Amino acid sequence: MAKLRVMSGREVCDILAHEGFREVRRRGSHVVMQKRLPQGTITVPVPDHPEIKVGTLQGIIRQSRLPRHLFEA
C-alpha cells in the first residue's frame, strides 16, 4: 500500500467533487460534501485546512467509500 500524500482540504474537496460529491454547506473551517445514491446519502465533512492530518484523511476515505489509491502519492 502506497503512502497517503499530504493534501489540503481544497484538494480533497476537488477529488470528492470529481467522484460525484457536491458541496452542500460551508461553516467555519469545514466543508460538507454529499453524494446521493439510490440506497441513501453519503455525507463527508472536510476540514478546509492547508494540510489535513493522516488520520483525518483516512476517516474521510472511509466515510466517502472511495478507493484509497485516489489519495495516494
Protein backbone atom coordinates (compact mmCIF):
# COMPACT_ATOMS: atom_id res chain seq x y z
CA MET A 1 0.00 0.00 0.00
CA ALA A 2 1.41 3.38 -1.00
CA LYS A 3 1.62 6.29 1.43
CA LEU A 4 -1.11 8.88 1.56
CA ARG A 5 0.09 12.19 0.21
CA VAL A 6 -0.10 15.44 2.13
CA MET A 7 -3.22 17.22 0.92
CA SER A 8 -5.13 20.39 1.63
CA GLY A 9 -8.86 20.47 2.28
CA ARG A 10 -9.39 22.08 -1.11
CA GLU A 11 -7.57 19.20 -2.87
CA VAL A 12 -9.69 16.64 -1.02
CA CYS A 13 -12.89 18.51 -1.99
CA ASP A 14 -11.74 18.55 -5.64
CA ILE A 15 -11.25 14.76 -5.60
CA LEU A 16 -14.64 14.24 -3.95
CA ALA A 17 -16.33 16.58 -6.47
CA HIS A 18 -14.72 14.66 -9.34
CA GLU A 19 -16.19 11.45 -7.89
CA GLY A 20 -19.75 12.81 -7.76
CA PHE A 21 -19.90 14.61 -4.41
CA ARG A 22 -21.16 18.18 -4.20
CA GLU A 23 -20.70 20.89 -1.58
CA VAL A 24 -23.91 21.35 0.39
CA ARG A 25 -22.69 23.82 3.01
CA ARG A 26 -19.66 25.53 4.46
CA ARG A 27 -19.45 26.62 8.07
CA GLY A 28 -16.35 27.95 9.73
CA SER A 29 -13.39 25.90 8.60
CA HIS A 30 -15.36 22.85 7.42
CA VAL A 31 -16.98 21.98 4.10
CA VAL A 32 -19.74 19.36 4.00
CA MET A 33 -19.81 17.26 0.82
CA GLN A 34 -22.66 14.91 -0.12
CA LYS A 35 -23.32 12.24 -2.71
CA ARG A 36 -26.81 10.87 -3.32
CA LEU A 37 -27.13 7.16 -4.06
CA PRO A 38 -30.23 5.00 -4.62
CA GLN A 39 -29.69 3.38 -1.21
CA GLY A 40 -29.07 6.66 0.67
CA THR A 41 -26.81 9.69 1.00
CA ILE A 42 -23.12 9.78 1.88
CA THR A 43 -22.14 12.87 3.87
CA VAL A 44 -18.47 13.73 4.42
CA PRO A 45 -17.22 16.73 6.43
CA VAL A 46 -13.85 18.03 5.18
CA PRO A 47 -11.74 20.50 7.16
CA ASP A 48 -10.71 23.40 4.93
CA HIS A 49 -7.14 23.46 6.25
CA PRO A 50 -3.86 23.93 4.35
CA GLU A 51 -2.76 20.45 5.44
CA ILE A 52 -5.01 17.57 6.56
CA LYS A 53 -3.61 15.10 9.10
CA VAL A 54 -3.23 11.47 8.02
CA GLY A 55 -5.81 10.14 10.49
CA THR A 56 -8.37 12.70 9.33
CA LEU A 57 -7.70 11.81 5.70
CA GLN A 58 -8.17 8.10 6.48
CA GLY A 59 -11.53 8.93 8.07
CA ILE A 60 -12.59 10.90 5.00
CA ILE A 61 -11.62 7.98 2.74
CA ARG A 62 -13.56 5.52 4.91
CA GLN A 63 -16.68 7.74 5.08
CA SER A 64 -16.66 8.54 1.35
CA ARG A 65 -16.32 4.85 0.36
CA LEU A 66 -13.84 5.86 -2.36
CA PRO A 67 -10.78 3.79 -3.26
CA ARG A 68 -7.66 4.74 -1.31
CA HIS A 69 -5.50 4.99 -4.46
CA LEU A 70 -7.17 8.31 -5.33
CA PHE A 71 -5.48 9.88 -2.30
CA GLU A 72 -2.06 8.16 -2.51
CA ALA A 73 1.23 9.69 -3.61
